[in-house]
């Protein structure tokens, strides 16, 4: 498509882009590759074995089917930088279709290049859900088992397919007055995709990530196939009490140990309304102190996030289109240009008969905070509107042709003890002009994360998510171009390393195994052992670049 003019993107659409990016983090499966200066990498389909692949796969008995011609869309993702063309796309109608395909690839052995990647809605950034010359499984085609809510008595749970979208889960569970406890900021993602990473949003300080709110999984691995009699027998499940090693390996496991085909997730009674609040800070120390106070309080808001605003003109006036200012006159005169400000974003859920109590609680909570006077903005929306707040922005971006541009995101987890050092350098020296997208920053409680899962987090009781959700203007050589953003991201990473901050990347992606070893640290050997147990040929999720097929993984 034709690249939009820089001025057009910056002036007319920056608010829309910020709205979308600030809320979309949830579970995207990687960050940008900082080792490459290429804006787009395309690897072709042709290779010596390619003529044999379709005929080989066509012999598999399936309820669904393979596609061999229309494969280009499976080589695209939200990152819009890498396009790895597969040999085929599997559109499964049953879990047995997935098992049969993986079994076939295993039987081809290490001499075959064929690999398998599960793809949900294509929201990865760097080809993580792609399989060059392999098979991409379109998980959206898998809608079995059908969604089923168990609302009789606590604990309330819901059976869902690994290919189901969280937005559909929301609407179905609300029919019973229930909803999942933990969310991502963007709901048009698959269950299997978020659970393979972590799945976080502003509720995670209380409930933990989505991987902390799962009772049971069904996972297709080589071990699954060997256990199921002739591929048609009893379905193998895993949970805390049954096949626990597989259960915790897969949660946050980046797709390395199996494909999630079914999950039982935790629910809670759903509210009907949300009071949505924003306040501003000019001092990072006060901002972070208030955030940490809120996530540690026994009685507090239900959603707590934050973001950084750098050199934004008319910031509070822009908020006025969706939020009502407490002091309209003072807010209209507030000058945000040339300043670095920190926004605390909060939400309190309630039902219509709880309005008076809710307002009293919010007044009490806000009285404990030290935000800049007259920067209090409040909006009242339905629970569904709040949770699905990103989708309308997505549709507008697509309509304007601003969706398929590069997104060089960088997502970091910073220990509480180092967050002030990080903020001083990054927001004071590295990002001095303006940002190319939202910058999220908010604290999380380690106690809400299960250390038996595969996800890697800092070793402190409180750590911060800091997410740089940049959008690059195609072909631009200026500060809004891809090359500049990648260089800026690398400066941030270099500082984290030289300052020994103990940073871990959320949604990590590295290009060499040495970097993966460093990321996992003392957990690396256990990760390798699990790979050997559940995917010894390394055929799953090749786009993560952790292991290579037919190469020893130890």
Protein backbone atom coordinates (compact mmCIF):
# COMPACT_ATOMS: atom_id res chain seq x y z
CA UNK A 1 0.00 0.00 0.00
CA UNK A 2 1.09 3.60 -0.39
CA UNK A 3 2.83 5.07 2.65
CA UNK A 4 0.84 7.81 4.42
CA UNK A 5 2.54 11.20 4.59
CA UNK A 6 4.44 11.83 7.79
CA UNK A 7 2.47 14.91 8.70
CA UNK A 8 -0.80 13.11 8.13
CA UNK A 9 0.14 10.27 10.45
CA UNK A 10 1.58 12.52 13.10
CA UNK A 11 -1.13 15.17 13.27
CA UNK A 12 -4.42 13.68 12.21
CA UNK A 13 -4.07 10.14 13.44
CA UNK A 14 -1.68 10.20 16.38
CA UNK A 15 -4.50 10.23 18.93
CA UNK A 16 -6.14 7.24 17.27
CA UNK A 17 -2.86 5.35 17.08
CA UNK A 18 -2.13 6.06 20.73
CA UNK A 19 -5.55 4.89 21.80
CA UNK A 20 -5.10 1.60 20.05
CA UNK A 21 -1.49 0.92 20.97
CA UNK A 22 -1.86 1.86 24.62
CA UNK A 23 -4.49 -0.78 25.11
CA UNK A 24 -3.31 -3.57 22.85
CA UNK A 25 -0.34 -5.00 24.76
CA UNK A 26 -2.00 -8.06 26.37
CA UNK A 27 -0.39 -10.96 24.61
CA UNK A 28 1.38 -10.02 21.43
CA UNK A 29 3.93 -12.71 20.99
CA UNK A 30 7.20 -10.82 20.62
CA UNK A 31 9.14 -7.60 20.45
CA UNK A 32 11.01 -6.22 17.47
CA UNK A 33 14.31 -7.68 16.29
CA UNK A 34 16.88 -5.04 17.02
CA UNK A 35 19.64 -6.84 15.16
CA UNK A 36 18.26 -6.12 11.71
CA UNK A 37 17.92 -2.90 9.76
CA UNK A 38 15.61 -4.43 7.17
CA UNK A 39 12.09 -2.99 7.23
CA UNK A 40 10.66 -6.18 5.74
CA UNK A 41 12.16 -9.63 5.41
CA UNK A 42 10.50 -12.02 2.96
CA UNK A 43 11.55 -15.64 2.65
CA UNK A 44 10.17 -17.47 -0.37
CA UNK A 45 8.32 -20.74 -0.43
CA UNK A 46 10.41 -22.62 -2.96
CA UNK A 47 12.92 -25.22 -1.81
CA UNK A 48 14.01 -28.67 -2.98
CA UNK A 49 11.38 -30.63 -1.03
CA UNK A 50 8.42 -28.30 -1.65
CA UNK A 51 6.82 -30.30 -4.53
CA UNK A 52 6.53 -33.33 -2.21
CA UNK A 53 4.99 -31.52 0.71
CA UNK A 54 1.44 -31.00 -0.64
CA UNK A 55 1.11 -34.58 -1.82
CA UNK A 56 2.42 -35.83 1.51
CA UNK A 57 0.01 -33.73 3.57
CA UNK A 58 -2.95 -34.50 1.33
CA UNK A 59 -2.75 -38.13 2.40
CA UNK A 60 -3.70 -37.24 5.99
CA UNK A 61 -7.30 -38.03 6.91
CA UNK A 62 -8.86 -34.84 8.28
CA UNK A 63 -12.18 -33.37 9.35
CA UNK A 64 -10.89 -30.01 8.11
CA UNK A 65 -8.54 -29.36 5.21
CA UNK A 66 -5.21 -27.97 4.03
CA UNK A 67 -4.72 -24.91 1.85
CA UNK A 68 -1.65 -24.88 -0.39
CA UNK A 69 -2.18 -21.92 -2.71
CA UNK A 70 -3.53 -19.10 -0.57
CA UNK A 71 -0.78 -19.05 2.05
CA UNK A 72 0.44 -15.46 1.87
CA UNK A 73 -1.81 -14.12 4.60
CA UNK A 74 -0.24 -16.61 7.05
CA UNK A 75 3.11 -14.94 6.36
CA UNK A 76 1.92 -11.57 7.69
CA UNK A 77 1.40 -10.30 11.20
CA UNK A 78 0.86 -7.13 13.18
CA UNK A 79 4.58 -6.36 13.21
CA UNK A 80 4.59 -6.02 9.41
CA UNK A 81 8.30 -6.64 9.10
CA UNK A 82 8.76 -10.36 8.55
CA UNK A 83 7.02 -12.63 6.05
CA UNK A 84 7.92 -16.30 6.24
CA UNK A 85 5.91 -18.18 3.65
CA UNK A 86 4.62 -21.61 4.74
CA UNK A 87 4.07 -24.61 2.53
CA UNK A 88 0.52 -25.14 3.78
CA UNK A 89 -2.18 -23.87 6.10
CA UNK A 90 -4.18 -26.34 8.16
CA UNK A 91 -7.77 -25.33 8.86
CA UNK A 92 -8.74 -27.83 11.55
CA UNK A 93 -12.27 -28.79 12.46
CA UNK A 94 -11.19 -31.05 15.30
CA UNK A 95 -8.32 -31.58 17.72
CA UNK A 96 -7.64 -34.84 15.90
CA UNK A 97 -6.77 -32.82 12.77
CA UNK A 98 -3.99 -31.09 14.68
CA UNK A 99 -2.77 -34.32 16.24
CA UNK A 100 -2.75 -36.12 12.88
CA UNK A 101 -0.75 -33.32 11.27
CA UNK A 102 1.88 -33.23 14.00
CA UNK A 103 2.09 -37.02 13.97
CA UNK A 104 2.69 -36.93 10.21
CA UNK A 105 5.47 -34.35 10.58
CA UNK A 106 7.07 -36.43 13.32
CA UNK A 107 6.97 -39.53 11.15
CA UNK A 108 8.81 -37.61 8.42
CA UNK A 109 11.68 -37.38 10.90
CA UNK A 110 14.60 -35.04 11.35
CA UNK A 111 15.48 -35.21 7.66
CA UNK A 112 12.43 -33.14 6.77
CA UNK A 113 12.41 -29.36 7.12
CA UNK A 114 8.70 -29.35 7.91
CA UNK A 115 7.75 -27.53 11.11
CA UNK A 116 4.44 -26.48 12.66
CA UNK A 117 3.23 -23.15 14.05
CA UNK A 118 -0.12 -22.35 15.65
CA UNK A 119 -1.52 -19.02 14.47
CA UNK A 120 -4.43 -17.23 16.08
CA UNK A 121 -5.30 -13.77 14.79
CA UNK A 122 -1.81 -12.90 13.56
CA UNK A 123 -0.94 -10.36 16.24
CA UNK A 124 2.71 -11.35 16.66
CA UNK A 125 5.34 -8.77 15.76
CA UNK A 126 8.22 -10.71 14.29
CA UNK A 127 7.01 -13.88 12.64
CA UNK A 128 6.61 -15.84 15.88
CA UNK A 129 3.44 -17.54 14.61
CA UNK A 130 4.90 -18.25 11.18
CA UNK A 131 6.57 -21.40 9.86
CA UNK A 132 8.89 -20.93 6.91
CA UNK A 133 8.31 -23.86 4.51
CA UNK A 134 6.23 -25.49 7.23
CA UNK A 135 2.60 -25.82 8.26
CA UNK A 136 0.68 -22.97 9.88
CA UNK A 137 -2.37 -24.10 11.86
CA UNK A 138 -5.20 -21.59 11.64
CA UNK A 139 -6.47 -21.89 15.22
CA UNK A 140 -9.49 -19.70 14.53
CA UNK A 141 -10.89 -22.64 12.54
CA UNK A 142 -10.89 -24.78 15.69
CA UNK A 143 -14.04 -23.98 17.62
CA UNK A 144 -14.45 -27.26 19.47
CA UNK A 145 -15.32 -27.76 22.19
CA UNK A 146 -18.09 -25.17 22.13
CA UNK A 147 -18.01 -22.61 24.91
CA UNK A 148 -19.67 -23.88 28.07
CA UNK A 149 -20.11 -21.93 31.29
CA UNK A 150 -20.37 -23.82 34.60
CA UNK A 151 -22.31 -21.36 36.75
CA UNK A 152 -23.90 -23.63 39.33
CA UNK A 153 -21.70 -22.89 42.33
CA UNK A 154 -18.19 -21.53 42.92
CA UNK A 155 -15.62 -21.92 41.60
CA UNK A 156 -17.19 -20.66 38.38
CA UNK A 157 -15.36 -21.88 35.29
CA UNK A 158 -15.73 -21.97 31.52
CA UNK A 159 -14.69 -24.52 28.89
CA UNK A 160 -13.26 -22.86 25.78
CA UNK A 161 -11.40 -23.84 22.63
CA UNK A 162 -7.78 -22.82 22.23
CA UNK A 163 -8.87 -21.02 19.07
CA UNK A 164 -11.67 -19.06 20.73
CA UNK A 165 -11.46 -15.27 20.95
CA UNK A 166 -11.58 -13.55 24.32
CA UNK A 167 -14.24 -11.15 23.04
CA UNK A 168 -16.53 -14.13 22.37
CA UNK A 169 -15.76 -15.53 25.80
CA UNK A 170 -16.76 -12.20 27.34
CA UNK A 171 -20.14 -12.10 25.60
CA UNK A 172 -20.92 -15.77 26.32
CA UNK A 173 -19.96 -15.64 30.00
CA UNK A 174 -21.96 -12.44 30.54
CA UNK A 175 -25.12 -14.36 29.66
CA UNK A 176 -24.65 -16.04 33.06
CA UNK A 177 -23.62 -12.88 34.89
CA UNK A 178 -19.98 -13.98 34.93
CA UNK A 179 -16.69 -13.01 33.27
CA UNK A 180 -13.00 -14.01 33.33
CA UNK A 181 -10.96 -12.48 36.15
CA UNK A 182 -7.88 -11.44 34.19
CA UNK A 183 -7.78 -9.83 30.76
CA UNK A 184 -5.57 -8.47 28.05
CA UNK A 185 -6.18 -4.90 26.91
CA UNK A 186 -7.25 -6.15 23.48
CA UNK A 187 -9.84 -8.92 23.32
CA UNK A 188 -9.72 -10.04 19.68
CA UNK A 189 -7.01 -12.59 20.48
CA UNK A 190 -7.16 -16.35 20.90
CA UNK A 191 -7.01 -18.20 24.19
CA UNK A 192 -4.05 -20.30 23.07
CA UNK A 193 -2.11 -17.22 22.05
CA UNK A 194 -2.39 -15.36 25.33
CA UNK A 195 -1.84 -18.44 27.50
CA UNK A 196 1.34 -19.23 25.58
CA UNK A 197 2.75 -15.91 26.76
CA UNK A 198 1.13 -14.61 29.95
CA UNK A 199 -1.76 -12.26 29.18
CA UNK A 200 -1.62 -9.12 31.30
CA UNK A 201 -3.60 -5.94 31.79
CA UNK A 202 -4.60 -3.58 34.57
CA UNK A 203 -6.28 -6.38 36.56
CA UNK A 204 -3.06 -8.43 36.85
CA UNK A 205 -1.90 -6.71 40.05
CA UNK A 206 -4.84 -8.40 41.81
CA UNK A 207 -5.58 -11.59 39.87
CA UNK A 208 -2.23 -12.19 38.22
CA UNK A 209 -1.85 -12.75 34.47
CA UNK A 210 -4.24 -14.96 32.54
CA UNK A 211 -1.90 -17.94 32.97
CA UNK A 212 -2.59 -17.72 36.73
CA UNK A 213 -6.32 -18.16 36.12
CA UNK A 214 -6.45 -21.51 34.31
CA UNK A 215 -7.72 -24.74 35.86
CA UNK A 216 -7.01 -27.19 33.06
CA UNK A 217 -5.58 -27.46 29.55
CA UNK A 218 -5.65 -29.85 26.65
CA UNK A 219 -2.36 -29.72 24.77
CA UNK A 220 -1.31 -31.55 21.62
CA UNK A 221 2.32 -32.63 21.81
CA UNK A 222 4.29 -35.64 20.62
CA UNK A 223 3.63 -37.07 24.08
CA UNK A 224 -0.13 -36.48 23.54
CA UNK A 225 -0.02 -38.37 20.27
CA UNK A 226 1.81 -41.33 21.80
CA UNK A 227 -0.69 -41.45 24.67
CA UNK A 228 -3.84 -41.29 22.56
CA UNK A 229 -4.69 -44.67 21.13
CA UNK A 230 -4.54 -44.49 17.33
CA UNK A 231 -5.14 -40.76 17.54
CA UNK A 232 -8.83 -41.37 18.36
CA UNK A 233 -8.87 -42.37 22.01
CA UNK A 234 -9.18 -40.51 25.28
CA UNK A 235 -8.10 -36.89 25.19
CA UNK A 236 -5.08 -36.22 27.41
CA UNK A 237 -5.55 -33.27 29.73
CA UNK A 238 -3.23 -31.50 32.14
CA UNK A 239 -3.74 -29.46 35.28
CA UNK A 240 -2.17 -28.76 38.64
CA UNK A 241 -3.04 -32.30 39.72
CA UNK A 242 -2.79 -34.19 36.43
CA UNK A 243 0.26 -34.09 34.17
CA UNK A 244 1.34 -31.01 36.09
CA UNK A 245 4.75 -30.70 34.45
CA UNK A 246 3.18 -30.33 31.01
CA UNK A 247 0.55 -27.95 32.38
CA UNK A 248 3.02 -25.47 33.83
CA UNK A 249 5.48 -25.88 30.96
CA UNK A 250 2.92 -24.84 28.38
CA UNK A 251 1.66 -21.81 30.33
CA UNK A 252 3.94 -18.99 29.22
CA UNK A 253 5.95 -21.52 27.20
CA UNK A 254 5.94 -19.56 23.90
CA UNK A 255 4.39 -22.51 22.07
CA UNK A 256 7.50 -24.66 22.53
CA UNK A 257 5.93 -27.66 24.23
CA UNK A 258 2.58 -28.12 22.57
CA UNK A 259 -0.47 -26.53 20.99
CA UNK A 260 -3.23 -25.47 23.38
CA UNK A 261 -6.51 -26.81 22.02
CA UNK A 262 -8.78 -26.47 25.06
CA UNK A 263 -8.77 -24.60 28.38
CA UNK A 264 -10.89 -24.33 31.50
CA UNK A 265 -10.60 -20.78 32.79
CA UNK A 266 -11.66 -19.11 36.02
CA UNK A 267 -14.68 -16.78 36.16
CA UNK A 268 -16.12 -14.34 38.68
CA UNK A 269 -19.40 -12.39 39.00
CA UNK A 270 -19.40 -9.65 36.36
CA UNK A 271 -20.25 -6.01 37.08
CA UNK A 272 -22.36 -3.94 34.71
CA UNK A 273 -20.58 -0.57 34.80
CA UNK A 274 -17.11 0.97 35.10
CA UNK A 275 -15.94 4.32 36.43
CA UNK A 276 -12.87 5.13 34.34
CA UNK A 277 -10.39 7.69 35.70
CA UNK A 278 -7.23 9.47 34.59
CA UNK A 279 -4.98 11.79 36.59
CA UNK A 280 -1.60 13.36 35.78
CA UNK A 281 1.75 13.61 37.57
CA UNK A 282 4.78 15.70 36.75
CA UNK A 283 7.10 13.88 39.20
CA UNK A 284 7.90 10.23 38.50
CA UNK A 285 8.76 9.48 42.13
CA UNK A 286 5.31 10.56 43.29
CA UNK A 287 3.65 8.80 40.38
CA UNK A 288 5.36 5.46 41.11
CA UNK A 289 4.80 5.81 44.86
CA UNK A 290 1.06 6.22 44.33
CA UNK A 291 0.94 3.30 41.90
CA UNK A 292 2.75 1.03 44.33
CA UNK A 293 0.44 2.13 47.14
CA UNK A 294 -2.65 1.28 45.11
CA UNK A 295 -1.55 -2.21 44.03
CA UNK A 296 -0.59 -3.05 47.62
CA UNK A 297 -3.79 -1.79 49.27
CA UNK A 298 -6.39 -4.31 50.37
CA UNK A 299 -9.28 -2.16 49.13
CA UNK A 300 -8.45 -0.36 45.92
CA UNK A 301 -9.37 0.10 42.27
CA UNK A 302 -10.08 -2.91 40.05
CA UNK A 303 -7.79 -1.83 37.21
CA UNK A 304 -4.50 0.07 37.57
CA UNK A 305 -2.26 1.07 34.68
CA UNK A 306 -0.19 4.10 33.71
CA UNK A 307 1.51 5.69 30.74
CA UNK A 308 4.06 8.34 29.88
CA UNK A 309 3.28 11.43 27.82
CA UNK A 310 6.25 13.20 26.24
CA UNK A 311 5.85 16.63 24.65
CA UNK A 312 2.16 16.27 23.92
CA UNK A 313 0.31 19.38 22.81
CA UNK A 314 -3.22 19.83 24.17
CA UNK A 315 -3.13 16.60 26.15
CA UNK A 316 -6.07 17.32 28.46
CA UNK A 317 -8.13 18.82 25.66
CA UNK A 318 -7.73 15.54 23.77
CA UNK A 319 -8.99 13.64 26.79
CA UNK A 320 -12.09 15.82 26.87
CA UNK A 321 -13.63 13.93 23.95
CA UNK A 322 -14.03 10.80 26.10
CA UNK A 323 -13.56 11.97 29.70
CA UNK A 324 -15.21 14.68 31.73
CA UNK A 325 -12.78 17.01 33.55
CA UNK A 326 -13.45 17.84 37.18
CA UNK A 327 -12.36 21.44 36.54
CA UNK A 328 -12.94 22.24 32.83
CA UNK A 329 -11.51 25.77 32.94
CA UNK A 330 -8.26 24.85 34.64
CA UNK A 331 -7.87 21.76 32.48
CA UNK A 332 -8.28 23.77 29.27
CA UNK A 333 -5.42 26.05 30.33
CA UNK A 334 -3.02 23.26 31.25
CA UNK A 335 0.12 23.32 29.11
CA UNK A 336 1.57 19.88 28.35
CA UNK A 337 3.88 20.90 25.50
CA UNK A 338 7.57 20.29 26.09
CA UNK A 339 6.94 18.33 29.28
CA UNK A 340 7.22 14.72 30.35
CA UNK A 341 4.11 13.75 32.27
CA UNK A 342 2.87 10.53 33.83
CA UNK A 343 -0.75 9.46 33.64
CA UNK A 344 -2.30 7.14 36.20
CA UNK A 345 -5.24 5.27 34.65
CA UNK A 346 -7.74 3.64 37.00
CA UNK A 347 -11.07 1.86 36.88
CA UNK A 348 -13.63 0.85 39.47
CA UNK A 349 -16.37 -1.61 38.55
CA UNK A 350 -19.88 -1.40 40.01
CA UNK A 351 -23.54 -2.25 39.55
CA UNK A 352 -26.34 0.36 39.27
CA UNK A 353 -27.49 -0.22 42.86
CA UNK A 354 -23.97 0.43 44.18
CA UNK A 355 -23.43 3.95 42.83
CA UNK A 356 -23.36 5.77 46.17
CA UNK A 357 -20.96 3.31 47.79
CA UNK A 358 -18.77 3.28 44.69
CA UNK A 359 -18.52 7.08 44.59
CA UNK A 360 -17.56 7.17 48.26
CA UNK A 361 -14.86 4.57 47.73
CA UNK A 362 -13.42 6.42 44.73
CA UNK A 363 -13.35 9.68 46.66
CA UNK A 364 -11.52 7.93 49.48
CA UNK A 365 -9.02 6.29 47.14
CA UNK A 366 -8.29 9.52 45.27
CA UNK A 367 -7.79 11.46 48.50
CA UNK A 368 -4.75 9.28 49.18
CA UNK A 369 -3.06 10.28 45.92
CA UNK A 370 -0.85 13.27 45.08
CA UNK A 371 -1.65 13.95 41.43
CA UNK A 372 -1.55 17.41 39.85
CA UNK A 373 -4.66 19.32 40.92
CA UNK A 374 -7.41 19.81 38.30
CA UNK A 375 -6.07 16.96 36.08
CA UNK A 376 -8.78 14.56 37.27
CA UNK A 377 -10.81 13.22 34.34
CA UNK A 378 -13.68 10.72 34.74
CA UNK A 379 -15.77 8.66 32.35
CA UNK A 380 -18.57 6.19 33.05
CA UNK A 381 -19.05 3.32 30.59
CA UNK A 382 -20.48 -0.18 30.49
CA UNK A 383 -18.30 -3.11 31.48
CA UNK A 384 -18.29 -4.43 27.92
CA UNK A 385 -17.44 -1.02 26.47
CA UNK A 386 -14.48 -0.68 28.83
CA UNK A 387 -13.05 -4.13 28.16
CA UNK A 388 -13.53 -3.89 24.37
CA UNK A 389 -12.42 -0.26 24.20
CA UNK A 390 -9.73 -0.91 21.57
CA UNK A 391 -11.73 -2.51 18.78
CA UNK A 392 -13.38 0.67 17.48
CA UNK A 393 -9.97 2.30 17.18
CA UNK A 394 -8.69 -0.70 15.28
CA UNK A 395 -11.49 -0.43 12.74
CA UNK A 396 -10.77 3.26 12.18
CA UNK A 397 -7.07 2.57 11.67
CA UNK A 398 -7.85 -0.14 9.15
CA UNK A 399 -10.23 2.14 7.29
CA UNK A 400 -7.51 4.79 6.99
CA UNK A 401 -4.84 2.33 5.85
CA UNK A 402 -2.81 2.86 9.03
CA UNK A 403 -2.93 -0.69 10.31
CA UNK A 404 -0.34 -2.37 8.14
CA UNK A 405 2.69 -0.35 9.14
CA UNK A 406 5.74 -1.55 11.10
CA UNK A 407 5.32 -1.85 14.87
CA UNK A 408 8.75 -2.09 16.53
CA UNK A 409 7.51 -2.68 20.08
CA UNK A 410 9.76 -3.16 23.09
CA UNK A 411 8.28 -4.66 26.28
CA UNK A 412 10.32 -4.77 29.47
CA UNK A 413 9.87 -5.93 33.06
CA UNK A 414 11.90 -3.76 35.45
CA UNK A 415 12.45 -4.53 39.17
CA UNK A 416 11.00 -1.95 41.56
CA UNK A 417 14.43 -1.21 43.04
CA UNK A 418 15.70 -0.09 39.62
CA UNK A 419 12.67 1.67 38.17
CA UNK A 420 13.81 5.16 39.19
CA UNK A 421 17.25 4.67 37.63
CA UNK A 422 15.55 3.39 34.50
CA UNK A 423 13.08 6.28 34.33
CA UNK A 424 15.72 8.93 34.89
CA UNK A 425 17.87 7.72 32.02
CA UNK A 426 15.19 6.68 29.54
CA UNK A 427 12.71 9.50 30.03
CA UNK A 428 15.38 12.08 30.81
CA UNK A 429 18.09 11.32 28.24
CA UNK A 430 17.09 8.73 25.64
CA UNK A 431 13.55 9.89 24.87
CA UNK A 432 14.02 13.63 24.77
CA UNK A 433 11.87 14.77 21.85
CA UNK A 434 8.66 12.82 21.52
CA UNK A 435 7.54 9.22 21.46
CA UNK A 436 6.30 7.36 18.41
CA UNK A 437 3.50 5.70 20.30
CA UNK A 438 2.23 5.10 23.82
CA UNK A 439 4.55 4.13 26.65
CA UNK A 440 2.85 1.98 29.26
CA UNK A 441 4.27 1.78 32.76
CA UNK A 442 2.67 0.17 35.79
CA UNK A 443 3.66 -2.15 38.68
CA UNK A 444 2.72 -5.79 39.22
CA UNK A 445 2.79 -8.07 42.26
CA UNK A 446 5.06 -11.09 41.87
CA UNK A 447 2.96 -13.02 44.41
CA UNK A 448 0.19 -13.22 41.80
CA UNK A 449 2.44 -15.03 39.30
CA UNK A 450 2.98 -18.78 39.58
CA UNK A 451 6.71 -19.53 39.41
CA UNK A 452 6.00 -23.03 38.11
CA UNK A 453 5.02 -21.64 34.70
CA UNK A 454 7.57 -21.01 31.94
CA UNK A 455 7.30 -17.23 31.92
CA UNK A 456 10.37 -15.34 33.19
CA UNK A 457 9.98 -12.29 35.46
CA UNK A 458 12.34 -10.22 37.66
CA UNK A 459 13.22 -11.56 41.08
CA UNK A 460 11.56 -8.85 43.20
CA UNK A 461 8.17 -8.73 44.91
CA UNK A 462 7.10 -5.72 42.82
CA UNK A 463 8.21 -5.15 39.24
CA UNK A 464 7.08 -2.81 36.48
CA UNK A 465 5.87 -3.43 32.99
CA UNK A 466 7.32 -0.77 30.68
CA UNK A 467 6.09 -1.09 27.11
CA UNK A 468 7.20 1.11 24.22
CA UNK A 469 4.41 0.63 21.66
CA UNK A 470 5.87 2.46 18.70
CA UNK A 471 4.53 2.77 15.16
CA UNK A 472 6.94 3.51 12.34
CA UNK A 473 6.05 5.61 9.31
CA UNK A 474 6.93 3.55 6.22
CA UNK A 475 9.98 4.79 4.28
CA UNK A 476 10.57 7.67 6.70
CA UNK A 477 14.19 8.58 7.47
CA UNK A 478 13.19 10.91 10.30
CA UNK A 479 12.63 10.23 13.99
CA UNK A 480 9.34 8.49 13.21
CA UNK A 481 11.04 6.00 10.88
CA UNK A 482 11.85 2.38 11.63
CA UNK A 483 15.63 2.77 11.73
CA UNK A 484 15.47 5.56 14.31
CA UNK A 485 13.03 3.63 16.53
CA UNK A 486 15.15 0.48 16.40
CA UNK A 487 18.24 2.46 17.34
CA UNK A 488 16.35 4.04 20.21
CA UNK A 489 15.15 0.66 21.42
CA UNK A 490 18.70 -0.66 21.33
CA UNK A 491 19.91 2.26 23.41
CA UNK A 492 17.33 1.37 26.05
CA UNK A 493 18.40 -2.28 26.04
CA UNK A 494 22.07 -1.36 26.20
CA UNK A 495 21.44 0.86 29.20
CA UNK A 496 19.54 -1.91 31.00
CA UNK A 497 22.48 -4.24 30.47
CA UNK A 498 25.28 -1.85 31.43
CA UNK A 499 23.38 -0.59 34.48
CA UNK A 500 22.67 -4.19 35.59
CA UNK A 501 18.99 -3.49 36.18
CA UNK A 502 17.92 -7.14 36.30
CA UNK A 503 15.49 -6.47 33.46
CA UNK A 504 13.58 -9.25 31.74
CA UNK A 505 11.77 -8.92 28.46
CA UNK A 506 8.06 -9.61 28.30
CA UNK A 507 7.07 -11.36 25.06
CA UNK A 508 10.76 -11.98 24.41
CA UNK A 509 12.39 -12.61 21.07
CA UNK A 510 16.07 -13.20 20.42
CA UNK A 511 18.02 -14.31 17.36
CA UNK A 512 20.65 -16.54 18.95
CA UNK A 513 20.43 -19.20 21.64
CA UNK A 514 23.02 -17.44 23.80
CA UNK A 515 20.55 -14.61 24.33
CA UNK A 516 17.81 -17.08 25.21
CA UNK A 517 20.12 -18.70 27.74
CA UNK A 518 20.70 -15.32 29.35
CA UNK A 519 16.98 -14.60 29.37
CA UNK A 520 16.07 -17.82 31.16
CA UNK A 521 19.14 -17.75 33.38
CA UNK A 522 19.19 -20.67 35.85
CA UNK A 523 15.89 -21.94 34.38
CA UNK A 524 17.42 -22.59 30.95
CA UNK A 525 18.45 -26.19 31.55
CA UNK A 526 14.98 -27.10 32.80
CA UNK A 527 13.47 -25.41 29.74
CA UNK A 528 15.70 -27.49 27.45
CA UNK A 529 14.79 -30.69 29.28
CA UNK A 530 11.10 -29.96 28.79
CA UNK A 531 11.67 -29.31 25.11
CA UNK A 532 13.41 -32.67 24.84
CA UNK A 533 10.48 -34.35 26.57
CA UNK A 534 7.59 -32.76 24.71
CA UNK A 535 9.02 -31.73 21.32
CA UNK A 536 12.35 -33.55 20.81
CA UNK A 537 12.52 -32.79 17.06
CA UNK A 538 11.85 -29.09 17.68
CA UNK A 539 9.04 -28.90 15.16
CA UNK A 540 6.79 -26.54 17.16
CA UNK A 541 6.79 -22.72 17.05
CA UNK A 542 9.95 -22.32 14.92
CA UNK A 543 9.35 -18.58 14.63
CA UNK A 544 10.42 -18.04 18.23
CA UNK A 545 14.01 -18.88 17.16
CA UNK A 546 14.75 -20.73 20.40
CA UNK A 547 15.50 -24.17 18.93
CA UNK A 548 16.22 -25.39 15.40
CA UNK A 549 14.74 -28.58 13.99
CA UNK A 550 17.17 -31.47 13.51
CA UNK A 551 19.78 -29.75 15.66
CA UNK A 552 20.40 -31.07 19.18
CA UNK A 553 18.59 -28.90 21.71
CA UNK A 554 20.89 -29.56 24.64
